[in-house]
Amino acid sequence: MGGAGRTVTAKQILFGARELVHEGWCQGVDARDARGQRCAPWNRDARRWSVLGALVASEGEDPDVRAHSSASVAELGHAVALLAEAAGTRTLQAWNDEPGRTRDEVLVAFDRALALLLR
Protein backbone atom coordinates (compact mmCIF):
# COMPACT_ATOMS: atom_id res chain seq x y z
CA MET A 1 0.00 0.00 0.00
CA GLY A 2 1.09 3.51 -0.65
CA GLY A 3 1.37 6.38 1.72
CA ALA A 4 1.14 10.14 1.63
CA GLY A 5 4.05 11.84 -0.03
CA ARG A 6 4.82 9.25 -2.69
CA THR A 7 3.07 8.46 -5.93
CA VAL A 8 1.63 4.99 -6.28
CA THR A 9 1.28 3.77 -9.87
CA ALA A 10 -1.89 2.40 -11.45
CA LYS A 11 -0.13 -0.97 -11.70
CA GLN A 12 0.61 -0.97 -7.96
CA ILE A 13 -2.97 0.06 -7.19
CA LEU A 14 -4.42 -2.70 -9.35
CA PHE A 15 -2.09 -5.36 -7.93
CA GLY A 16 -2.76 -4.22 -4.37
CA ALA A 17 -6.52 -4.06 -4.87
CA ARG A 18 -6.56 -7.50 -6.48
CA GLU A 19 -4.74 -8.92 -3.45
CA LEU A 20 -7.27 -7.33 -1.09
CA VAL A 21 -10.23 -8.72 -3.06
CA HIS A 22 -8.53 -12.11 -3.15
CA GLU A 23 -8.26 -11.92 0.65
CA GLY A 24 -11.91 -10.96 1.02
CA TRP A 25 -14.61 -9.43 -1.19
CA CYS A 26 -17.92 -7.80 -0.34
CA GLN A 27 -20.90 -6.11 -1.90
CA GLY A 28 -23.07 -3.22 -0.82
CA VAL A 29 -20.37 -1.27 1.05
CA ASP A 30 -16.75 -0.26 0.43
CA ALA A 31 -15.41 -2.56 3.15
CA ARG A 32 -16.40 -4.80 6.06
CA ASP A 33 -14.54 -5.82 9.19
CA ALA A 34 -14.25 -9.35 10.61
CA ARG A 35 -17.73 -9.03 12.19
CA GLY A 36 -19.24 -8.04 8.85
CA GLN A 37 -19.75 -4.43 9.93
CA ARG A 38 -19.21 -1.56 7.49
CA CYS A 39 -15.87 0.20 7.88
CA ALA A 40 -13.60 2.48 5.90
CA PRO A 41 -11.58 0.59 3.26
CA TRP A 42 -8.29 1.86 4.71
CA ASN A 43 -9.27 0.83 8.26
CA ARG A 44 -6.87 -1.70 9.77
CA ASP A 45 -9.90 -3.80 10.79
CA ALA A 46 -11.12 -4.14 7.19
CA ARG A 47 -11.20 -7.77 6.03
CA ARG A 48 -13.39 -7.64 2.89
CA TRP A 49 -13.50 -4.98 0.18
CA SER A 50 -15.64 -4.01 -2.77
CA VAL A 51 -13.87 -3.24 -6.03
CA LEU A 52 -13.83 0.50 -5.32
CA GLY A 53 -12.99 0.00 -1.66
CA ALA A 54 -10.00 -2.15 -2.61
CA LEU A 55 -8.80 0.42 -5.15
CA VAL A 56 -9.00 3.23 -2.60
CA ALA A 57 -7.34 1.13 0.10
CA SER A 58 -4.50 0.27 -2.30
CA GLU A 59 -3.91 3.89 -3.25
CA GLY A 60 -2.81 4.87 0.21
CA GLU A 61 -3.44 4.71 3.92
CA ASP A 62 -4.38 8.36 4.43
CA PRO A 63 -8.09 8.97 3.81
CA ASP A 64 -7.50 12.71 3.40
CA VAL A 65 -7.34 13.12 -0.38
CA ARG A 66 -5.62 16.49 0.10
CA ALA A 67 -2.57 14.58 1.33
CA HIS A 68 -2.20 12.88 -2.06
CA SER A 69 -0.39 14.39 -5.01
CA SER A 70 -2.29 15.08 -8.20
CA ALA A 71 -0.13 12.33 -9.75
CA SER A 72 -1.45 9.80 -7.21
CA VAL A 73 -5.03 10.85 -7.88
CA ALA A 74 -4.38 10.53 -11.63
CA GLU A 75 -2.96 7.03 -11.14
CA LEU A 76 -6.01 6.02 -9.11
CA GLY A 77 -8.23 7.37 -11.89
CA HIS A 78 -6.24 5.40 -14.45
CA ALA A 79 -6.63 2.20 -12.40
CA VAL A 80 -10.39 2.79 -12.08
CA ALA A 81 -10.72 3.40 -15.83
CA LEU A 82 -8.75 0.25 -16.70
CA LEU A 83 -10.83 -1.88 -14.35
CA ALA A 84 -14.09 -0.44 -15.70
CA GLU A 85 -12.96 -1.21 -19.26
CA ALA A 86 -11.92 -4.73 -18.26
CA ALA A 87 -15.27 -5.31 -16.54
CA GLY A 88 -17.22 -3.85 -19.44
CA THR A 89 -19.01 -1.31 -17.26
CA ARG A 90 -19.23 2.41 -16.76
CA THR A 91 -20.11 2.05 -13.07
CA LEU A 92 -17.84 -0.20 -11.02
CA GLN A 93 -19.94 0.10 -7.89
CA ALA A 94 -23.10 -1.12 -9.63
CA TRP A 95 -21.11 -3.86 -11.37
CA ASN A 96 -19.57 -4.99 -8.07
CA ASP A 97 -22.96 -5.04 -6.34
CA GLU A 98 -24.83 -6.82 -9.11
CA PRO A 99 -26.77 -9.83 -7.75
CA GLY A 100 -25.00 -13.06 -8.65
CA ARG A 101 -21.60 -11.40 -9.07
CA THR A 102 -18.81 -13.60 -7.72
CA ARG A 103 -15.36 -12.90 -6.33
CA ASP A 104 -13.89 -15.00 -9.14
CA GLU A 105 -15.50 -12.70 -11.72
CA VAL A 106 -14.04 -9.70 -9.91
CA LEU A 107 -10.57 -11.27 -9.85
CA VAL A 108 -10.81 -12.00 -13.59
CA ALA A 109 -11.66 -8.33 -14.19
CA PHE A 110 -8.56 -7.31 -12.23
CA ASP A 111 -6.45 -9.72 -14.31
CA ARG A 112 -7.87 -8.23 -17.52
CA ALA A 113 -7.20 -4.69 -16.29
CA LEU A 114 -3.60 -5.61 -15.53
CA ALA A 115 -3.26 -7.18 -18.99
CA LEU A 116 -4.59 -3.96 -20.55
CA LEU A 117 -2.06 -1.96 -18.56
CA LEU A 118 0.85 -4.19 -19.50
CA ARG A 119 0.07 -4.42 -23.24
C-alpha atoms as a PDB file:
ATOM      1  CA  MET A   1       0.000   0.000   0.000  1.00  0.00           C
ATOM      2  CA  GLY A   2       1.091   3.509  -0.651  1.00  0.00           C
ATOM      3  CA  GLY A   3       1.372   6.382   1.725  1.00  0.00           C
ATOM      4  CA  ALA A   4       1.142  10.135   1.628  1.00  0.00           C
ATOM      5  CA  GLY A   5       4.054  11.840  -0.034  1.00  0.00           C
ATOM      6  CA  ARG A   6       4.815   9.254  -2.690  1.00  0.00           C
ATOM      7  CA  THR A   7       3.075   8.464  -5.931  1.00  0.00           C
ATOM      8  CA  VAL A   8       1.634   4.993  -6.284  1.00  0.00           C
ATOM      9  CA  THR A   9       1.277   3.769  -9.866  1.00  0.00           C
ATOM     10  CA  ALA A  10      -1.891   2.400 -11.453  1.00  0.00           C
ATOM     11  CA  LYS A  11      -0.128  -0.972 -11.701  1.00  0.00           C
ATOM     12  CA  GLN A  12       0.611  -0.973  -7.962  1.00  0.00           C
ATOM     13  CA  ILE A  13      -2.969   0.064  -7.192  1.00  0.00           C
ATOM     14  CA  LEU A  14      -4.424  -2.704  -9.354  1.00  0.00           C
ATOM     15  CA  PHE A  15      -2.094  -5.361  -7.933  1.00  0.00           C
ATOM     16  CA  GLY A  16      -2.760  -4.224  -4.368  1.00  0.00           C
ATOM     17  CA  ALA A  17      -6.521  -4.055  -4.873  1.00  0.00           C
ATOM     18  CA  ARG A  18      -6.556  -7.502  -6.477  1.00  0.00           C
ATOM     19  CA  GLU A  19      -4.743  -8.917  -3.452  1.00  0.00           C
ATOM     20  CA  LEU A  20      -7.271  -7.330  -1.087  1.00  0.00           C
ATOM     21  CA  VAL A  21     -10.225  -8.719  -3.059  1.00  0.00           C
ATOM     22  CA  HIS A  22      -8.532 -12.113  -3.146  1.00  0.00           C
ATOM     23  CA  GLU A  23      -8.259 -11.925   0.650  1.00  0.00           C
ATOM     24  CA  GLY A  24     -11.914 -10.958   1.016  1.00  0.00           C
ATOM     25  CA  TRP A  25     -14.607  -9.434  -1.189  1.00  0.00           C
ATOM     26  CA  CYS A  26     -17.916  -7.796  -0.336  1.00  0.00           C
ATOM     27  CA  GLN A  27     -20.896  -6.114  -1.902  1.00  0.00           C
ATOM     28  CA  GLY A  28     -23.068  -3.216  -0.817  1.00  0.00           C
ATOM     29  CA  VAL A  29     -20.371  -1.274   1.049  1.00  0.00           C
ATOM     30  CA  ASP A  30     -16.754  -0.261   0.430  1.00  0.00           C
ATOM     31  CA  ALA A  31     -15.408  -2.555   3.155  1.00  0.00           C
ATOM     32  CA  ARG A  32     -16.399  -4.795   6.061  1.00  0.00           C
ATOM     33  CA  ASP A  33     -14.543  -5.817   9.192  1.00  0.00           C
ATOM     34  CA  ALA A  34     -14.247  -9.350  10.614  1.00  0.00           C
ATOM     35  CA  ARG A  35     -17.727  -9.029  12.187  1.00  0.00           C
ATOM     36  CA  GLY A  36     -19.236  -8.038   8.851  1.00  0.00           C
ATOM     37  CA  GLN A  37     -19.749  -4.435   9.925  1.00  0.00           C
ATOM     38  CA  ARG A  38     -19.207  -1.561   7.492  1.00  0.00           C
ATOM     39  CA  CYS A  39     -15.874   0.203   7.881  1.00  0.00           C
ATOM     40  CA  ALA A  40     -13.597   2.483   5.898  1.00  0.00           C
ATOM     41  CA  PRO A  41     -11.580   0.595   3.264  1.00  0.00           C
ATOM     42  CA  TRP A  42      -8.288   1.857   4.712  1.00  0.00           C
ATOM     43  CA  ASN A  43      -9.275   0.830   8.262  1.00  0.00           C
ATOM     44  CA  ARG A  44      -6.872  -1.704   9.774  1.00  0.00           C
ATOM     45  CA  ASP A  45      -9.902  -3.796  10.791  1.00  0.00           C
ATOM     46  CA  ALA A  46     -11.124  -4.144   7.191  1.00  0.00           C
ATOM     47  CA  ARG A  47     -11.197  -7.766   6.034  1.00  0.00           C
ATOM     48  CA  ARG A  48     -13.392  -7.638   2.893  1.00  0.00           C
ATOM     49  CA  TRP A  49     -13.499  -4.981   0.182  1.00  0.00           C
ATOM     50  CA  SER A  50     -15.641  -4.009  -2.767  1.00  0.00           C
ATOM     51  CA  VAL A  51     -13.871  -3.240  -6.033  1.00  0.00           C
ATOM     52  CA  LEU A  52     -13.833   0.495  -5.318  1.00  0.00           C
ATOM     53  CA  GLY A  53     -12.985   0.000  -1.656  1.00  0.00           C
ATOM     54  CA  ALA A  54     -10.000  -2.145  -2.608  1.00  0.00           C
ATOM     55  CA  LEU A  55      -8.805   0.422  -5.155  1.00  0.00           C
ATOM     56  CA  VAL A  56      -9.001   3.231  -2.600  1.00  0.00           C
ATOM     57  CA  ALA A  57      -7.337   1.132   0.102  1.00  0.00           C
ATOM     58  CA  SER A  58      -4.496   0.274  -2.297  1.00  0.00           C
ATOM     59  CA  GLU A  59      -3.915   3.894  -3.248  1.00  0.00           C
ATOM     60  CA  GLY A  60      -2.806   4.867   0.209  1.00  0.00           C
ATOM     61  CA  GLU A  61      -3.440   4.709   3.921  1.00  0.00           C
ATOM     62  CA  ASP A  62      -4.379   8.355   4.427  1.00  0.00           C
ATOM     63  CA  PRO A  63      -8.088   8.973   3.806  1.00  0.00           C
ATOM     64  CA  ASP A  64      -7.498  12.707   3.398  1.00  0.00           C
ATOM     65  CA  VAL A  65      -7.339  13.116  -0.382  1.00  0.00           C
ATOM     66  CA  ARG A  66      -5.625  16.490   0.099  1.00  0.00           C
ATOM     67  CA  ALA A  67      -2.568  14.575   1.329  1.00  0.00           C
ATOM     68  CA  HIS A  68      -2.196  12.885  -2.058  1.00  0.00           C
ATOM     69  CA  SER A  69      -0.386  14.390  -5.006  1.00  0.00           C
ATOM     70  CA  SER A  70      -2.286  15.080  -8.201  1.00  0.00           C
ATOM     71  CA  ALA A  71      -0.127  12.335  -9.750  1.00  0.00           C
ATOM     72  CA  SER A  72      -1.449   9.796  -7.208  1.00  0.00           C
ATOM     73  CA  VAL A  73      -5.032  10.848  -7.883  1.00  0.00           C
ATOM     74  CA  ALA A  74      -4.378  10.530 -11.633  1.00  0.00           C
ATOM     75  CA  GLU A  75      -2.955   7.029 -11.136  1.00  0.00           C
ATOM     76  CA  LEU A  76      -6.013   6.021  -9.110  1.00  0.00           C
ATOM     77  CA  GLY A  77      -8.234   7.371 -11.887  1.00  0.00           C
ATOM     78  CA  HIS A  78      -6.240   5.401 -14.450  1.00  0.00           C
ATOM     79  CA  ALA A  79      -6.632   2.204 -12.397  1.00  0.00           C
ATOM     80  CA  VAL A  80     -10.393   2.795 -12.077  1.00  0.00           C
ATOM     81  CA  ALA A  81     -10.716   3.404 -15.830  1.00  0.00           C
ATOM     82  CA  LEU A  82      -8.755   0.250 -16.700  1.00  0.00           C
ATOM     83  CA  LEU A  83     -10.830  -1.877 -14.354  1.00  0.00           C
ATOM     84  CA  ALA A  84     -14.089  -0.437 -15.703  1.00  0.00           C
ATOM     85  CA  GLU A  85     -12.957  -1.205 -19.256  1.00  0.00           C
ATOM     86  CA  ALA A  86     -11.922  -4.726 -18.259  1.00  0.00           C
ATOM     87  CA  ALA A  87     -15.273  -5.314 -16.537  1.00  0.00           C
ATOM     88  CA  GLY A  88     -17.221  -3.851 -19.442  1.00  0.00           C
ATOM     89  CA  THR A  89     -19.010  -1.313 -17.265  1.00  0.00           C
ATOM     90  CA  ARG A  90     -19.233   2.413 -16.761  1.00  0.00           C
ATOM     91  CA  THR A  91     -20.106   2.053 -13.074  1.00  0.00           C
ATOM     92  CA  LEU A  92     -17.838  -0.198 -11.017  1.00  0.00           C
ATOM     93  CA  GLN A  93     -19.944   0.103  -7.887  1.00  0.00           C
ATOM     94  CA  ALA A  94     -23.099  -1.124  -9.632  1.00  0.00           C
ATOM     95  CA  TRP A  95     -21.107  -3.862 -11.373  1.00  0.00           C
ATOM     96  CA  ASN A  96     -19.569  -4.991  -8.067  1.00  0.00           C
ATOM     97  CA  ASP A  97     -22.958  -5.038  -6.338  1.00  0.00           C
ATOM     98  CA  GLU A  98     -24.835  -6.824  -9.113  1.00  0.00           C
ATOM     99  CA  PRO A  99     -26.770  -9.831  -7.747  1.00  0.00           C
ATOM    100  CA  GLY A 100     -25.004 -13.059  -8.646  1.00  0.00           C
ATOM    101  CA  ARG A 101     -21.605 -11.397  -9.070  1.00  0.00           C
ATOM    102  CA  THR A 102     -18.807 -13.598  -7.725  1.00  0.00           C
ATOM    103  CA  ARG A 103     -15.364 -12.897  -6.333  1.00  0.00           C
ATOM    104  CA  ASP A 104     -13.890 -15.002  -9.137  1.00  0.00           C
ATOM    105  CA  GLU A 105     -15.497 -12.696 -11.722  1.00  0.00           C
ATOM    106  CA  VAL A 106     -14.038  -9.701  -9.909  1.00  0.00           C
ATOM    107  CA  LEU A 107     -10.573 -11.269  -9.854  1.00  0.00           C
ATOM    108  CA  VAL A 108     -10.810 -11.996 -13.592  1.00  0.00           C
ATOM    109  CA  ALA A 109     -11.660  -8.331 -14.191  1.00  0.00           C
ATOM    110  CA  PHE A 110      -8.561  -7.305 -12.233  1.00  0.00           C
ATOM    111  CA  ASP A 111      -6.453  -9.717 -14.305  1.00  0.00           C
ATOM    112  CA  ARG A 112      -7.874  -8.231 -17.520  1.00  0.00           C
ATOM    113  CA  ALA A 113      -7.205  -4.689 -16.290  1.00  0.00           C
ATOM    114  CA  LEU A 114      -3.597  -5.611 -15.531  1.00  0.00           C
ATOM    115  CA  ALA A 115      -3.261  -7.177 -18.989  1.00  0.00           C
ATOM    116  CA  LEU A 116      -4.589  -3.956 -20.553  1.00  0.00           C
ATOM    117  CA  LEU A 117      -2.058  -1.955 -18.565  1.00  0.00           C
ATOM    118  CA  LEU A 118       0.852  -4.193 -19.505  1.00  0.00           C
ATOM    119  CA  ARG A 119       0.071  -4.423 -23.239  1.00  0.00           C
END
